[in-house]
Amino acid sequence: MQTNATKIYKLIGAEAVLTEAEDLRKYLTGFSSSYGYVLSDANGTVFYTDSRYVEGASAFLKDTDICVKQFTGSIEELLKGYKEVAVPLGRTLYCDYEKLNSAGLKIVDSLPAFTQAMSVKQSYELDLIEKACKIADDAFTSLKGKIKEGMSENEVAALLEYEMRKFGASGTSFDTIVAFGKNSSVPHHETGLSKLKFGDVVLIDFGCKFKGYCSDCTRTMLFGDDKKHNEFKEAYLKVLEAHMLAKDKITCNMSGAEADAIARNCLKKHGLDKYFTHSLGHGIGINIHEFPRLSPKSSDTLLNDMVFSDEPGVYFEGEYGIRIEDTVTLKDGRVLSLTDSDKKLTIL
């Protein structure tokens, strides 16, 4: 079976391609490890790793075009005999770059090839992301009936992470964000010990991994209706309108800036654009933040089978915040949502 290592090697066209970064190694091999080098040349690909991974990697990569060998040496040893090597410069330590340079090697940047290849998902990658999204949806649905007054943000986050694990996740895509009340006005609030009170806004930003691929979702709710949240409810409907309009209007070959403008202009119509303080979205895959970028200055082109977030939000300092986010993909030129739990305002 041909792996992504062969595809990347052919795409770059250098004499040798050396990859150490953990996420890029995962993309090339499909195997998760904290140490190793993937080296491809005209003779094929070898995954060099230490004794912790040799058995597991050998079993996992059986019947593929990657050979597994035990190795604990240096970069210079691996590249002895080569005149040219491609490495991901933006992900390479300066000391390692200097070693390659001192060895007289011609250095080629492999990162653009990884960015291009990883941004457009293959069918098996879409299947894994879709599964990660289904797990996140199911876990969140299960969580909602278990949130109780007096629980801390940490407790709710832990319960959601347990639910995602229970439904099959291997871990979280990022640190789960749970924000109660005024904490929700901080887009990346650090989940803490605040206790849930009747009438609180509840913002939860969460995602999980399945076989190395991520999901990303945000829901904003009310814990009980104290009849004091009319402005919040009105703003929620405007954010939901922007979220759904982006899904309806984003198309293949649109730029990231054009996609962002759909949601931003919708909020501007309601006088809320100045409270939308981040970009509309980001690519999702092995990493939670990948290419493309959906932001006001992004020239990235959106293509079929890319996966990205649709997450407009508004934040009123010291009061509350609202974000509604789904993981989506482009299929046949149109947006298809992969996370799909209810987005109507929920009163817990």
C-alpha atoms as a PDB file:
ATOM      1  CA  MET A   1       0.000   0.000   0.000  1.00  0.00           C
ATOM      2  CA  GLN A   2       1.350   3.420  -0.960  1.00  0.00           C
ATOM      3  CA  THR A   3       1.498   5.940   1.874  1.00  0.00           C
ATOM      4  CA  ASN A   4       1.604   9.727   1.901  1.00  0.00           C
ATOM      5  CA  ALA A   5       5.394   9.537   2.215  1.00  0.00           C
ATOM      6  CA  THR A   6       5.688   8.543  -1.437  1.00  0.00           C
ATOM      7  CA  LYS A   7       3.240  11.251  -2.510  1.00  0.00           C
ATOM      8  CA  ILE A   8       5.146  13.986  -0.658  1.00  0.00           C
ATOM      9  CA  TYR A   9       8.511  12.756  -1.981  1.00  0.00           C
ATOM     10  CA  LYS A  10       7.284  12.927  -5.578  1.00  0.00           C
ATOM     11  CA  LEU A  11       5.658  16.316  -5.001  1.00  0.00           C
ATOM     12  CA  ILE A  12       8.897  17.851  -3.684  1.00  0.00           C
ATOM     13  CA  GLY A  13      11.307  16.270  -6.150  1.00  0.00           C
ATOM     14  CA  ALA A  14      14.395  16.603  -3.928  1.00  0.00           C
ATOM     15  CA  GLU A  15      17.064  13.905  -3.641  1.00  0.00           C
ATOM     16  CA  ALA A  16      15.910  13.096  -0.113  1.00  0.00           C
ATOM     17  CA  VAL A  17      13.056  14.234   2.154  1.00  0.00           C
ATOM     18  CA  LEU A  18      13.645  14.148   5.929  1.00  0.00           C
ATOM     19  CA  THR A  19      10.735  14.700   8.304  1.00  0.00           C
ATOM     20  CA  GLU A  20      10.935  14.863  12.104  1.00  0.00           C
ATOM     21  CA  ALA A  21       7.937  17.011  13.203  1.00  0.00           C
ATOM     22  CA  GLU A  22       5.432  14.790  14.997  1.00  0.00           C
ATOM     23  CA  ASP A  23       2.321  15.855  13.087  1.00  0.00           C
ATOM     24  CA  LEU A  24       4.044  15.663   9.696  1.00  0.00           C
ATOM     25  CA  ARG A  25       5.432  12.237  10.603  1.00  0.00           C
ATOM     26  CA  LYS A  26       1.903  11.162  11.466  1.00  0.00           C
ATOM     27  CA  TYR A  27       0.674  12.387   8.073  1.00  0.00           C
ATOM     28  CA  LEU A  28       3.387  10.472   6.229  1.00  0.00           C
ATOM     29  CA  THR A  29       3.070   7.193   8.105  1.00  0.00           C
ATOM     30  CA  GLY A  30      -0.368   7.218   9.768  1.00  0.00           C
ATOM     31  CA  PHE A  31       1.446   6.079  12.921  1.00  0.00           C
ATOM     32  CA  SER A  32       1.532   8.152  16.129  1.00  0.00           C
ATOM     33  CA  SER A  33       4.897   8.484  17.870  1.00  0.00           C
ATOM     34  CA  SER A  34       6.815  11.016  19.931  1.00  0.00           C
ATOM     35  CA  TYR A  35      10.169  10.258  18.300  1.00  0.00           C
ATOM     36  CA  GLY A  36      11.399   9.385  14.858  1.00  0.00           C
ATOM     37  CA  TYR A  37      12.547  10.447  11.414  1.00  0.00           C
ATOM     38  CA  VAL A  38      10.931   9.632   8.098  1.00  0.00           C
ATOM     39  CA  LEU A  39      13.471   9.558   5.265  1.00  0.00           C
ATOM     40  CA  SER A  40      12.388   9.174   1.644  1.00  0.00           C
ATOM     41  CA  ASP A  41      14.588   8.903  -1.423  1.00  0.00           C
ATOM     42  CA  ALA A  42      14.567   7.197  -4.817  1.00  0.00           C
ATOM     43  CA  ASN A  43      14.891   3.797  -3.122  1.00  0.00           C
ATOM     44  CA  GLY A  44      11.802   4.210  -0.913  1.00  0.00           C
ATOM     45  CA  THR A  45      10.928   5.367   2.599  1.00  0.00           C
ATOM     46  CA  VAL A  46      12.278   4.358   6.008  1.00  0.00           C
ATOM     47  CA  PHE A  47      10.785   5.268   9.366  1.00  0.00           C
ATOM     48  CA  TYR A  48      13.662   5.468  11.839  1.00  0.00           C
ATOM     49  CA  THR A  49      12.546   5.294  15.487  1.00  0.00           C
ATOM     50  CA  ASP A  50      13.642   3.951  18.863  1.00  0.00           C
ATOM     51  CA  SER A  51      12.854   0.725  20.713  1.00  0.00           C
ATOM     52  CA  ARG A  52       9.592   2.080  22.163  1.00  0.00           C
ATOM     53  CA  TYR A  53       7.954   2.148  18.735  1.00  0.00           C
ATOM     54  CA  VAL A  54       9.691  -0.431  16.554  1.00  0.00           C
ATOM     55  CA  GLU A  55       7.263  -3.269  17.284  1.00  0.00           C
ATOM     56  CA  GLY A  56       4.121  -1.153  17.032  1.00  0.00           C
ATOM     57  CA  ALA A  57       5.275   0.707  13.920  1.00  0.00           C
ATOM     58  CA  SER A  58       6.368  -2.513  12.201  1.00  0.00           C
ATOM     59  CA  ALA A  59       2.939  -4.059  12.768  1.00  0.00           C
ATOM     60  CA  PHE A  60       1.097  -0.894  11.748  1.00  0.00           C
ATOM     61  CA  LEU A  61       3.139  -0.353   8.577  1.00  0.00           C
ATOM     62  CA  LYS A  62       3.163  -3.965   7.476  1.00  0.00           C
ATOM     63  CA  ASP A  63       2.185  -4.257   3.793  1.00  0.00           C
ATOM     64  CA  THR A  64       2.941  -0.567   3.136  1.00  0.00           C
ATOM     65  CA  ASP A  65       5.805   1.070   1.241  1.00  0.00           C
ATOM     66  CA  ILE A  66       7.510   2.152   4.490  1.00  0.00           C
ATOM     67  CA  CYS A  67      10.253   0.139   6.157  1.00  0.00           C
ATOM     68  CA  VAL A  68      10.809   0.493   9.937  1.00  0.00           C
ATOM     69  CA  LYS A  69      14.310   0.537  11.441  1.00  0.00           C
ATOM     70  CA  GLN A  70      15.569   1.162  14.964  1.00  0.00           C
ATOM     71  CA  PHE A  71      17.689   4.280  15.243  1.00  0.00           C
ATOM     72  CA  THR A  72      18.949   6.638  17.963  1.00  0.00           C
ATOM     73  CA  GLY A  73      21.705   8.450  16.089  1.00  0.00           C
ATOM     74  CA  SER A  74      22.111  11.919  14.637  1.00  0.00           C
ATOM     75  CA  ILE A  75      20.724  13.749  11.610  1.00  0.00           C
ATOM     76  CA  GLU A  76      24.215  13.791  10.102  1.00  0.00           C
ATOM     77  CA  GLU A  77      24.358   9.981  10.220  1.00  0.00           C
ATOM     78  CA  LEU A  78      21.007   9.647   8.456  1.00  0.00           C
ATOM     79  CA  LEU A  79      21.970  12.023   5.662  1.00  0.00           C
ATOM     80  CA  LYS A  80      25.512  10.811   5.021  1.00  0.00           C
ATOM     81  CA  GLY A  81      25.986  10.383   1.287  1.00  0.00           C
ATOM     82  CA  TYR A  82      23.284  12.826   0.178  1.00  0.00           C
ATOM     83  CA  LYS A  83      23.913  16.159  -1.532  1.00  0.00           C
ATOM     84  CA  GLU A  84      20.379  17.577  -1.223  1.00  0.00           C
ATOM     85  CA  VAL A  85      17.682  17.227   1.442  1.00  0.00           C
ATOM     86  CA  ALA A  86      14.204  18.694   1.865  1.00  0.00           C
ATOM     87  CA  VAL A  87      13.078  19.599   5.390  1.00  0.00           C
ATOM     88  CA  PRO A  88      10.110  21.695   6.627  1.00  0.00           C
ATOM     89  CA  LEU A  89      12.021  24.905   7.336  1.00  0.00           C
ATOM     90  CA  GLY A  90       9.256  26.535   9.351  1.00  0.00           C
ATOM     91  CA  ARG A  91       9.212  23.506  11.644  1.00  0.00           C
ATOM     92  CA  THR A  92      12.973  22.890  11.874  1.00  0.00           C
ATOM     93  CA  LEU A  93      15.086  23.978  14.852  1.00  0.00           C
ATOM     94  CA  TYR A  94      17.862  26.398  13.980  1.00  0.00           C
ATOM     95  CA  CYS A  95      20.476  24.064  15.493  1.00  0.00           C
ATOM     96  CA  ASP A  96      19.306  21.244  13.188  1.00  0.00           C
ATOM     97  CA  TYR A  97      19.339  23.580  10.204  1.00  0.00           C
ATOM     98  CA  GLU A  98      22.911  24.543  11.051  1.00  0.00           C
ATOM     99  CA  LYS A  99      23.917  20.871  11.191  1.00  0.00           C
ATOM    100  CA  LEU A 100      22.530  20.330   7.690  1.00  0.00           C
ATOM    101  CA  ASN A 101      24.132  23.490   6.418  1.00  0.00           C
ATOM    102  CA  SER A 102      27.505  22.622   7.959  1.00  0.00           C
ATOM    103  CA  ALA A 103      27.356  19.202   6.303  1.00  0.00           C
ATOM    104  CA  GLY A 104      27.355  20.962   2.919  1.00  0.00           C
ATOM    105  CA  LEU A 105      23.837  19.846   2.001  1.00  0.00           C
ATOM    106  CA  LYS A 106      21.647  21.794  -0.351  1.00  0.00           C
ATOM    107  CA  ILE A 107      18.492  22.490   1.669  1.00  0.00           C
ATOM    108  CA  VAL A 108      15.022  22.564   0.115  1.00  0.00           C
ATOM    109  CA  ASP A 109      11.877  23.625   1.998  1.00  0.00           C
ATOM    110  CA  SER A 110       9.339  20.770   2.138  1.00  0.00           C
ATOM    111  CA  LEU A 111       6.708  22.689   4.151  1.00  0.00           C
ATOM    112  CA  PRO A 112       4.810  24.147   1.142  1.00  0.00           C
ATOM    113  CA  ALA A 113       4.306  20.615  -0.202  1.00  0.00           C
ATOM    114  CA  PHE A 114       2.952  19.446   3.178  1.00  0.00           C
ATOM    115  CA  THR A 115       0.631  22.458   3.404  1.00  0.00           C
ATOM    116  CA  GLN A 116      -0.728  21.822  -0.088  1.00  0.00           C
ATOM    117  CA  ALA A 117      -1.196  18.082   0.401  1.00  0.00           C
ATOM    118  CA  MET A 118      -2.632  18.226   3.931  1.00  0.00           C
ATOM    119  CA  SER A 119      -5.156  20.979   3.154  1.00  0.00           C
ATOM    120  CA  VAL A 120      -7.170  18.856   0.713  1.00  0.00           C
ATOM    121  CA  LYS A 121      -8.339  15.761   2.547  1.00  0.00           C
ATOM    122  CA  GLN A 122      -8.330  12.282   1.102  1.00  0.00           C
ATOM    123  CA  SER A 123     -11.441  10.123   1.512  1.00  0.00           C
ATOM    124  CA  TYR A 124     -10.024   8.187   4.458  1.00  0.00           C
ATOM    125  CA  GLU A 125      -9.123  11.469   6.199  1.00  0.00           C
ATOM    126  CA  LEU A 126     -12.642  12.812   5.692  1.00  0.00           C
ATOM    127  CA  ASP A 127     -14.025   9.586   7.170  1.00  0.00           C
ATOM    128  CA  LEU A 128     -11.856   9.950  10.281  1.00  0.00           C
ATOM    129  CA  ILE A 129     -12.739  13.632  10.747  1.00  0.00           C
ATOM    130  CA  GLU A 130     -16.430  12.828  10.282  1.00  0.00           C
ATOM    131  CA  LYS A 131     -16.133  10.157  12.977  1.00  0.00           C
ATOM    132  CA  ALA A 132     -14.400  12.630  15.317  1.00  0.00           C
ATOM    133  CA  CYS A 133     -17.250  15.070  14.681  1.00  0.00           C
ATOM    134  CA  LYS A 134     -19.918  12.431  15.356  1.00  0.00           C
ATOM    135  CA  ILE A 135     -18.223  11.560  18.661  1.00  0.00           C
ATOM    136  CA  ALA A 136     -18.150  15.243  19.648  1.00  0.00           C
ATOM    137  CA  ASP A 137     -21.840  15.643  18.770  1.00  0.00           C
ATOM    138  CA  ASP A 138     -22.882  12.544  20.698  1.00  0.00           C
ATOM    139  CA  ALA A 139     -20.795  13.502  23.731  1.00  0.00           C
ATOM    140  CA  PHE A 140     -22.223  17.016  23.823  1.00  0.00           C
ATOM    141  CA  THR A 141     -25.785  15.742  23.520  1.00  0.00           C
ATOM    142  CA  SER A 142     -25.113  13.376  26.423  1.00  0.00           C
ATOM    143  CA  LEU A 143     -23.510  16.154  28.476  1.00  0.00           C
ATOM    144  CA  LYS A 144     -26.360  18.673  28.306  1.00  0.00           C
ATOM    145  CA  GLY A 145     -28.682  16.770  30.632  1.00  0.00           C
ATOM    146  CA  LYS A 146     -25.892  16.319  33.203  1.00  0.00           C
ATOM    147  CA  ILE A 147     -24.941  19.961  33.749  1.00  0.00           C
ATOM    148  CA  LYS A 148     -26.094  21.051  37.213  1.00  0.00           C
ATOM    149  CA  GLU A 149     -26.064  24.279  39.200  1.00  0.00           C
ATOM    150  CA  GLY A 150     -22.957  24.602  41.358  1.00  0.00           C
ATOM    151  CA  MET A 151     -20.712  22.596  39.018  1.00  0.00           C
ATOM    152  CA  SER A 152     -17.408  24.262  38.177  1.00  0.00           C
ATOM    153  CA  GLU A 153     -16.156  24.944  34.672  1.00  0.00           C
ATOM    154  CA  ASN A 154     -13.490  22.307  35.299  1.00  0.00           C
ATOM    155  CA  GLU A 155     -16.105  19.719  36.257  1.00  0.00           C
ATOM    156  CA  VAL A 156     -18.150  20.322  33.110  1.00  0.00           C
ATOM    157  CA  ALA A 157     -15.021  20.151  30.945  1.00  0.00           C
ATOM    158  CA  ALA A 158     -13.934  16.907  32.608  1.00  0.00           C
ATOM    159  CA  LEU A 159     -17.387  15.391  32.150  1.00  0.00           C
ATOM    160  CA  LEU A 160     -17.469  16.328  28.464  1.00  0.00           C
ATOM    161  CA  GLU A 161     -13.986  14.897  27.924  1.00  0.00           C
ATOM    162  CA  TYR A 162     -15.086  11.690  29.656  1.00  0.00           C
ATOM    163  CA  GLU A 163     -18.134  11.506  27.373  1.00  0.00           C
ATOM    164  CA  MET A 164     -15.960  11.962  24.278  1.00  0.00           C
ATOM    165  CA  ARG A 165     -13.654   9.191  25.470  1.00  0.00           C
ATOM    166  CA  LYS A 166     -16.662   6.991  26.196  1.00  0.00           C
ATOM    167  CA  PHE A 167     -17.900   7.417  22.634  1.00  0.00           C
ATOM    168  CA  GLY A 168     -14.510   6.435  21.190  1.00  0.00           C
ATOM    169  CA  ALA A 169     -12.227   9.483  21.142  1.00  0.00           C
ATOM    170  CA  SER A 170      -8.512   8.972  21.693  1.00  0.00           C
ATOM    171  CA  GLY A 171      -8.213  12.409  23.304  1.00  0.00           C
ATOM    172  CA  THR A 172      -9.123  16.060  22.876  1.00  0.00           C
ATOM    173  CA  SER A 173      -8.234  18.247  19.893  1.00  0.00           C
ATOM    174  CA  PHE A 174      -7.239  21.072  22.293  1.00  0.00           C
ATOM    175  CA  ASP A 175      -7.843  22.138  25.893  1.00  0.00           C
ATOM    176  CA  THR A 176     -11.620  22.195  26.342  1.00  0.00           C
ATOM    177  CA  ILE A 177     -12.984  25.693  26.992  1.00  0.00           C
ATOM    178  CA  VAL A 178     -15.919  26.004  29.381  1.00  0.00           C
ATOM    179  CA  ALA A 179     -16.895  29.577  30.298  1.00  0.00           C
ATOM    180  CA  PHE A 180     -19.727  30.599  32.631  1.00  0.00           C
ATOM    181  CA  GLY A 181     -21.326  34.046  32.771  1.00  0.00           C
ATOM    182  CA  LYS A 182     -19.000  36.968  32.065  1.00  0.00           C
ATOM    183  CA  ASN A 183     -16.113  34.556  31.451  1.00  0.00           C
ATOM    184  CA  SER A 184     -17.696  33.841  28.064  1.00  0.00           C
ATOM    185  CA  SER A 185     -16.691  37.347  26.886  1.00  0.00           C
ATOM    186  CA  VAL A 186     -13.067  36.119  26.688  1.00  0.00           C
ATOM    187  CA  PRO A 187     -12.823  34.160  23.390  1.00  0.00           C
ATOM    188  CA  HIS A 188     -10.128  31.795  24.718  1.00  0.00           C
ATOM    189  CA  HIS A 189     -11.058  31.791  28.387  1.00  0.00           C
ATOM    190  CA  GLU A 190      -8.978  29.486  30.577  1.00  0.00           C
ATOM    191  CA  THR A 191     -11.394  26.953  32.071  1.00  0.00           C
ATOM    192  CA  GLY A 192     -11.302  27.266  35.852  1.00  0.00           C
ATOM    193  CA  LEU A 193     -13.155  27.006  39.156  1.00  0.00           C
ATOM    194  CA  SER A 194     -16.079  29.384  38.530  1.00  0.00           C
ATOM    195  CA  LYS A 195     -19.356  27.835  39.692  1.00  0.00           C
ATOM    196  CA  LEU A 196     -22.466  27.657  37.525  1.00  0.00           C
ATOM    197  CA  LYS A 197     -25.385  29.856  38.631  1.00  0.00           C
ATOM    198  CA  PHE A 198     -28.975  30.124  37.455  1.00  0.00           C
ATOM    199  CA  GLY A 199     -29.168  32.529  34.520  1.00  0.00           C
ATOM    200  CA  ASP A 200     -25.540  32.111  33.453  1.00  0.00           C
ATOM    201  CA  VAL A 201     -24.438  32.107  29.834  1.00  0.00           C
ATOM    202  CA  VAL A 202     -22.573  28.850  29.155  1.00  0.00           C
ATOM    203  CA  LEU A 203     -20.036  28.758  26.297  1.00  0.00           C
ATOM    204  CA  ILE A 204     -18.323  25.441  25.528  1.00  0.00           C
ATOM    205  CA  ASP A 205     -15.610  25.097  22.854  1.00  0.00           C
ATOM    206  CA  PHE A 206     -14.601  21.465  22.423  1.00  0.00           C
ATOM    207  CA  GLY A 207     -13.336  18.827  20.040  1.00  0.00           C
ATOM    208  CA  CYS A 208     -11.842  15.371  20.044  1.00  0.00           C
ATOM    209  CA  LYS A 209      -9.423  13.223  18.080  1.00  0.00           C
ATOM    210  CA  PHE A 210     -10.206   9.952  16.365  1.00  0.00           C
ATOM    211  CA  LYS A 211      -7.226   8.028  14.982  1.00  0.00           C
ATOM    212  CA  GLY A 212      -5.242  11.264  14.919  1.00  0.00           C
ATOM    213  CA  TYR A 213      -7.812  13.559  13.262  1.00  0.00           C
ATOM    214  CA  CYS A 214      -9.604  16.470  14.947  1.00  0.00           C
ATOM    215  CA  SER A 215     -13.084  17.885  15.335  1.00  0.00           C
ATOM    216  CA  ASP A 216     -13.950  21.398  16.562  1.00  0.00           C
ATOM    217  CA  CYS A 217     -17.287  22.718  17.804  1.00  0.00           C
ATOM    218  CA  THR A 218     -18.621  25.556  19.976  1.00  0.00           C
ATOM    219  CA  ARG A 219     -22.058  25.930  21.494  1.00  0.00           C
ATOM    220  CA  THR A 220     -23.423  28.809  23.598  1.00  0.00           C
ATOM    221  CA  MET A 221     -26.399  28.261  25.913  1.00  0.00           C
ATOM    222  CA  LEU A 222     -28.269  29.673  28.896  1.00  0.00           C
ATOM    223  CA  PHE A 223     -28.494  27.853  32.209  1.00  0.00           C
ATOM    224  CA  GLY A 224     -32.074  28.654  33.129  1.00  0.00           C
ATOM    225  CA  ASP A 225     -34.005  31.637  31.820  1.00  0.00           C
ATOM    226  CA  ASP A 226     -33.991  34.499  34.342  1.00  0.00           C
ATOM    227  CA  LYS A 227     -35.808  36.769  31.828  1.00  0.00           C
ATOM    228  CA  LYS A 228     -32.848  39.176  31.972  1.00  0.00           C
ATOM    229  CA  HIS A 229     -31.153  38.112  28.757  1.00  0.00           C
ATOM    230  CA  ASN A 230     -33.180  39.742  25.976  1.00  0.00           C
ATOM    231  CA  GLU A 231     -30.118  41.456  24.462  1.00  0.00           C
ATOM    232  CA  PHE A 232     -28.184  38.187  24.631  1.00  0.00           C
ATOM    233  CA  LYS A 233     -31.009  36.318  22.890  1.00  0.00           C
ATOM    234  CA  GLU A 234     -31.191  38.921  20.121  1.00  0.00           C
ATOM    235  CA  ALA A 235     -27.419  38.840  19.618  1.00  0.00           C
ATOM    236  CA  TYR A 236     -27.497  35.039  19.575  1.00  0.00           C
ATOM    237  CA  LEU A 237     -29.942  35.066  16.666  1.00  0.00           C
ATOM    238  CA  LYS A 238     -27.676  37.462  14.742  1.00  0.00           C
ATOM    239  CA  VAL A 239     -24.606  35.256  15.282  1.00  0.00           C
ATOM    240  CA  LEU A 240     -26.609  32.209  14.207  1.00  0.00           C
ATOM    241  CA  GLU A 241     -27.731  34.115  11.106  1.00  0.00           C
ATOM    242  CA  ALA A 242     -24.086  34.885  10.257  1.00  0.00           C
ATOM    243  CA  HIS A 243     -23.089  31.262  10.885  1.00  0.00           C
ATOM    244  CA  MET A 244     -25.809  29.859   8.631  1.00  0.00           C
ATOM    245  CA  LEU A 245     -25.262  32.497   5.932  1.00  0.00           C
ATOM    246  CA  ALA A 246     -21.602  31.525   5.721  1.00  0.00           C
ATOM    247  CA  LYS A 247     -22.627  27.893   5.265  1.00  0.00           C
ATOM    248  CA  ASP A 248     -25.036  28.863   2.538  1.00  0.00           C
ATOM    249  CA  LYS A 249     -22.791  31.283   0.632  1.00  0.00           C
ATOM    250  CA  ILE A 250     -19.253  29.872   0.882  1.00  0.00           C
ATOM    251  CA  THR A 251     -18.309  28.151  -2.365  1.00  0.00           C
ATOM    252  CA  CYS A 252     -15.341  26.425  -3.971  1.00  0.00           C
ATOM    253  CA  ASN A 253     -12.583  28.768  -5.292  1.00  0.00           C
ATOM    254  CA  MET A 254     -13.625  31.575  -2.944  1.00  0.00           C
ATOM    255  CA  SER A 255     -10.797  33.195  -0.959  1.00  0.00           C
ATOM    256  CA  GLY A 256     -10.568  32.995   2.806  1.00  0.00           C
ATOM    257  CA  ALA A 257     -11.142  36.762   2.968  1.00  0.00           C
ATOM    258  CA  GLU A 258     -14.312  36.499   0.859  1.00  0.00           C
ATOM    259  CA  ALA A 259     -15.641  33.735   3.113  1.00  0.00           C
ATOM    260  CA  ASP A 260     -14.886  35.737   6.265  1.00  0.00           C
ATOM    261  CA  ALA A 261     -16.641  38.778   4.783  1.00  0.00           C
ATOM    262  CA  ILE A 262     -19.927  36.879   4.420  1.00  0.00           C
ATOM    263  CA  ALA A 263     -20.289  36.469   8.183  1.00  0.00           C
ATOM    264  CA  ARG A 264     -18.621  39.780   9.058  1.00  0.00           C
ATOM    265  CA  ASN A 265     -20.883  41.811   6.763  1.00  0.00           C
ATOM    266  CA  CYS A 266     -23.936  40.052   8.179  1.00  0.00           C
ATOM    267  CA  LEU A 267     -22.918  41.101  11.693  1.00  0.00           C
ATOM    268  CA  LYS A 268     -22.065  44.600  10.425  1.00  0.00           C
ATOM    269  CA  LYS A 269     -25.641  44.945   9.164  1.00  0.00           C
ATOM    270  CA  HIS A 270     -26.746  44.503  12.781  1.00  0.00           C
ATOM    271  CA  GLY A 271     -24.042  46.773  14.220  1.00  0.00           C
ATOM    272  CA  LEU A 272     -22.162  43.852  15.756  1.00  0.00           C
ATOM    273  CA  ASP A 273     -19.081  43.525  13.527  1.00  0.00           C
ATOM    274  CA  LYS A 274     -16.825  45.436  15.950  1.00  0.00           C
ATOM    275  CA  TYR A 275     -17.510  42.723  18.530  1.00  0.00           C
ATOM    276  CA  PHE A 276     -16.404  39.964  16.132  1.00  0.00           C
ATOM    277  CA  THR A 277     -12.773  39.985  17.200  1.00  0.00           C
ATOM    278  CA  HIS A 278     -11.345  36.872  15.511  1.00  0.00           C
ATOM    279  CA  SER A 279     -11.458  35.271  12.078  1.00  0.00           C
ATOM    280  CA  LEU A 280     -14.320  33.174  10.728  1.00  0.00           C
ATOM    281  CA  GLY A 281     -12.385  29.930  10.593  1.00  0.00           C
ATOM    282  CA  HIS A 282      -9.301  27.773  10.144  1.00  0.00           C
ATOM    283  CA  GLY A 283      -8.412  24.490   8.515  1.00  0.00           C
ATOM    284  CA  ILE A 284      -8.811  21.289  10.558  1.00  0.00           C
ATOM    285  CA  GLY A 285      -7.102  17.918  10.160  1.00  0.00           C
ATOM    286  CA  ILE A 286      -4.325  16.192  12.062  1.00  0.00           C
ATOM    287  CA  ASN A 287      -3.812  19.618  13.650  1.00  0.00           C
ATOM    288  CA  ILE A 288      -6.606  21.742  15.043  1.00  0.00           C
ATOM    289  CA  HIS A 289      -5.253  24.756  13.117  1.00  0.00           C
ATOM    290  CA  GLU A 290      -4.246  24.101   9.525  1.00  0.00           C
ATOM    291  CA  PHE A 291      -4.511  25.653   6.065  1.00  0.00           C
ATOM    292  CA  PRO A 292      -6.740  27.347   4.866  1.00  0.00           C
ATOM    293  CA  ARG A 293      -7.310  30.501   6.897  1.00  0.00           C
ATOM    294  CA  LEU A 294     -10.707  32.202   6.687  1.00  0.00           C
ATOM    295  CA  SER A 295      -9.802  35.710   7.812  1.00  0.00           C
ATOM    296  CA  PRO A 296     -10.094  39.311   6.574  1.00  0.00           C
ATOM    297  CA  LYS A 297      -6.618  39.243   4.980  1.00  0.00           C
ATOM    298  CA  SER A 298      -6.500  35.644   3.765  1.00  0.00           C
ATOM    299  CA  SER A 299      -5.800  34.964   0.096  1.00  0.00           C
ATOM    300  CA  ASP A 300      -6.054  31.188   0.659  1.00  0.00           C
ATOM    301  CA  THR A 301      -8.305  29.527  -1.919  1.00  0.00           C
ATOM    302  CA  LEU A 302     -11.051  27.235  -0.629  1.00  0.00           C
ATOM    303  CA  LEU A 303     -11.246  23.930  -2.498  1.00  0.00           C
ATOM    304  CA  ASN A 304     -13.387  20.815  -2.463  1.00  0.00           C
ATOM    305  CA  ASP A 305     -12.492  18.375   0.345  1.00  0.00           C
ATOM    306  CA  MET A 306     -10.903  21.029   2.518  1.00  0.00           C
ATOM    307  CA  VAL A 307     -12.116  20.925   6.123  1.00  0.00           C
ATOM    308  CA  PHE A 308     -12.425  24.111   8.176  1.00  0.00           C
ATOM    309  CA  SER A 309     -14.409  25.791  10.938  1.00  0.00           C
ATOM    310  CA  ASP A 310     -17.333  28.197  10.599  1.00  0.00           C
ATOM    311  CA  GLU A 311     -17.264  30.119  13.888  1.00  0.00           C
ATOM    312  CA  PRO A 312     -18.560  33.681  13.989  1.00  0.00           C
ATOM    313  CA  GLY A 313     -18.774  35.187  17.457  1.00  0.00           C
ATOM    314  CA  VAL A 314     -19.381  38.408  19.374  1.00  0.00           C
ATOM    315  CA  TYR A 315     -17.881  39.347  22.736  1.00  0.00           C
ATOM    316  CA  PHE A 316     -19.037  42.073  25.108  1.00  0.00           C
ATOM    317  CA  GLU A 317     -16.293  42.718  27.637  1.00  0.00           C
ATOM    318  CA  GLY A 318     -17.282  41.895  31.200  1.00  0.00           C
ATOM    319  CA  GLU A 319     -20.784  40.804  30.151  1.00  0.00           C
ATOM    320  CA  TYR A 320     -21.018  37.777  27.863  1.00  0.00           C
ATOM    321  CA  GLY A 321     -19.808  36.205  24.642  1.00  0.00           C
ATOM    322  CA  ILE A 322     -21.466  34.126  21.933  1.00  0.00           C
ATOM    323  CA  ARG A 323     -19.753  31.758  19.491  1.00  0.00           C
ATOM    324  CA  ILE A 324     -21.422  29.178  17.260  1.00  0.00           C
ATOM    325  CA  GLU A 325     -18.993  26.841  15.537  1.00  0.00           C
ATOM    326  CA  ASP A 326     -19.177  23.777  13.328  1.00  0.00           C
ATOM    327  CA  THR A 327     -16.545  21.749  11.533  1.00  0.00           C
ATOM    328  CA  VAL A 328     -17.461  21.807   7.830  1.00  0.00           C
ATOM    329  CA  THR A 329     -16.109  20.623   4.492  1.00  0.00           C
ATOM    330  CA  LEU A 330     -16.598  21.634   0.873  1.00  0.00           C
ATOM    331  CA  LYS A 331     -18.337  18.978  -1.199  1.00  0.00           C
ATOM    332  CA  ASP A 332     -19.261  19.588  -4.832  1.00  0.00           C
ATOM    333  CA  GLY A 333     -18.573  23.278  -4.307  1.00  0.00           C
ATOM    334  CA  ARG A 334     -20.905  23.705  -1.328  1.00  0.00           C
ATOM    335  CA  VAL A 335     -20.513  23.583   2.451  1.00  0.00           C
ATOM    336  CA  LEU A 336     -21.404  20.359   4.226  1.00  0.00           C
ATOM    337  CA  SER A 337     -21.516  20.411   8.034  1.00  0.00           C
ATOM    338  CA  LEU A 338     -19.697  17.589   9.836  1.00  0.00           C
ATOM    339  CA  THR A 339     -20.686  18.618  13.368  1.00  0.00           C
ATOM    340  CA  ASP A 340     -24.423  19.015  13.512  1.00  0.00           C
ATOM    341  CA  SER A 341     -25.775  19.147  17.073  1.00  0.00           C
ATOM    342  CA  ASP A 342     -28.639  21.604  17.587  1.00  0.00           C
ATOM    343  CA  LYS A 343     -27.673  25.258  17.131  1.00  0.00           C
ATOM    344  CA  LYS A 344     -30.931  26.818  18.256  1.00  0.00           C
ATOM    345  CA  LEU A 345     -30.518  28.573  21.597  1.00  0.00           C
ATOM    346  CA  THR A 346     -30.683  25.919  24.310  1.00  0.00           C
ATOM    347  CA  ILE A 347     -32.016  26.741  27.774  1.00  0.00           C
ATOM    348  CA  LEU A 348     -30.541  24.132  30.101  1.00  0.00           C
END
